[in-house]
Amino acid sequence: METLIHEQQEGYYEALNASNSKGESTIFVTSMLQIIRDTLAEIIANQDSHRDVRPNVGVNAGTNNLCIAICKALDKTLDELFWDG
C-alpha cells in the first residue's frame, strides 16, 4: 500500500487535505478506492491469460470480493469500474 501511495503521492495528499477541510472522509476514501481500482486493473491487464489459475483460486476470490466492495462503495458496475473509466 505504501508503494501505491508513494506513486500517487500528490493526489493522496490533495484528497487527504480536502477531506480534512470538509471534516469528512468521503473524498479521501474515494481517492484510495480509485488508486486500488487502478492497481487492480493494471494487474488484471498484465496477467498471463494462459497460466494455470488453480493454485491462486483463493487469491482470485479475494480479489473479486475486493472489486465488488469497491464497486459498491463507488456505486459502479465492474464494467464501469475497470473499462469505462
Protein backbone atom coordinates (compact mmCIF):
# COMPACT_ATOMS: atom_id res chain seq x y z
CA MET A 1 0.00 0.00 0.00
CA GLU A 2 2.88 2.35 0.76
CA THR A 3 4.15 1.92 -2.81
CA LEU A 4 0.72 2.81 -4.22
CA ILE A 5 0.54 5.92 -2.05
CA HIS A 6 4.09 6.92 -2.98
CA GLU A 7 3.29 6.59 -6.68
CA GLN A 8 0.15 8.72 -6.23
CA GLN A 9 1.57 10.97 -3.51
CA GLU A 10 0.32 14.32 -4.81
CA GLY A 11 -3.27 13.13 -5.30
CA TYR A 12 -3.15 11.29 -1.97
CA TYR A 13 -2.29 14.43 -0.04
CA GLU A 14 -4.75 16.56 -2.03
CA ALA A 15 -7.56 14.14 -1.15
CA LEU A 16 -6.45 13.94 2.48
CA ASN A 17 -6.34 17.74 2.80
CA ALA A 18 -9.71 18.14 1.06
CA SER A 19 -11.25 15.60 3.44
CA ASN A 20 -9.73 17.37 6.43
CA SER A 21 -11.06 20.72 5.20
CA LYS A 22 -14.58 19.32 4.79
CA GLY A 23 -14.43 17.44 8.08
CA GLU A 24 -15.41 14.12 6.48
CA SER A 25 -13.59 11.32 4.74
CA THR A 26 -15.59 10.70 1.54
CA ILE A 27 -13.08 12.41 -0.76
CA PHE A 28 -10.14 10.55 0.78
CA VAL A 29 -11.87 7.15 0.78
CA THR A 30 -12.97 7.61 -2.83
CA SER A 31 -9.42 8.56 -3.83
CA MET A 32 -7.96 5.50 -2.10
CA LEU A 33 -10.54 3.22 -3.73
CA GLN A 34 -9.65 4.68 -7.13
CA ILE A 35 -5.94 4.01 -6.50
CA ILE A 36 -6.78 0.41 -5.57
CA ARG A 37 -9.09 0.10 -8.60
CA ASP A 38 -6.39 1.38 -10.96
CA THR A 39 -3.85 -1.01 -9.47
CA LEU A 40 -6.20 -3.98 -9.78
CA ALA A 41 -6.98 -3.02 -13.39
CA GLU A 42 -3.25 -2.93 -14.15
CA ILE A 43 -2.74 -6.32 -12.53
CA ILE A 44 -5.64 -7.80 -14.49
CA ALA A 45 -4.34 -6.31 -17.75
CA ASN A 46 -0.88 -7.77 -17.15
CA GLN A 47 -1.98 -11.27 -16.18
CA ASP A 48 -0.98 -14.08 -18.46
CA SER A 49 -4.29 -15.44 -19.72
CA HIS A 50 -2.80 -18.89 -20.27
CA ARG A 51 -1.40 -19.55 -16.83
CA ASP A 52 -2.93 -22.12 -14.51
CA VAL A 53 -5.06 -20.20 -12.01
CA ARG A 54 -5.93 -23.21 -9.83
CA PRO A 55 -3.20 -22.50 -7.22
CA ASN A 56 -4.48 -18.94 -6.90
CA VAL A 57 -8.21 -19.61 -6.60
CA GLY A 58 -8.34 -18.21 -3.05
CA VAL A 59 -6.38 -15.12 -4.07
CA ASN A 60 -8.60 -14.61 -7.11
CA ALA A 61 -11.73 -14.95 -4.99
CA GLY A 62 -10.37 -12.37 -2.54
CA THR A 63 -9.59 -10.00 -5.41
CA ASN A 64 -13.11 -10.48 -6.77
CA ASN A 65 -14.60 -9.69 -3.38
CA LEU A 66 -12.45 -6.56 -3.14
CA CYS A 67 -13.56 -5.46 -6.61
CA ILE A 68 -17.20 -5.96 -5.64
CA ALA A 69 -16.72 -3.96 -2.45
CA ILE A 70 -15.10 -1.11 -4.40
CA CYS A 71 -17.97 -1.18 -6.90
CA LYS A 72 -20.50 -0.87 -4.11
CA ALA A 73 -18.58 1.95 -2.43
CA LEU A 74 -18.30 3.92 -5.69
CA ASP A 75 -21.79 2.92 -6.87
CA LYS A 76 -20.41 1.49 -10.13
CA THR A 77 -20.61 -1.79 -12.02
CA LEU A 78 -17.49 -3.84 -12.72
CA ASP A 79 -17.58 -2.66 -16.34
CA GLU A 80 -17.73 0.97 -15.24
CA LEU A 81 -15.02 0.39 -12.68
CA PHE A 82 -12.45 -1.19 -14.98
CA TRP A 83 -13.28 -0.43 -18.58
CA ASP A 84 -15.41 2.69 -18.89
CA GLY A 85 -13.01 4.92 -16.96
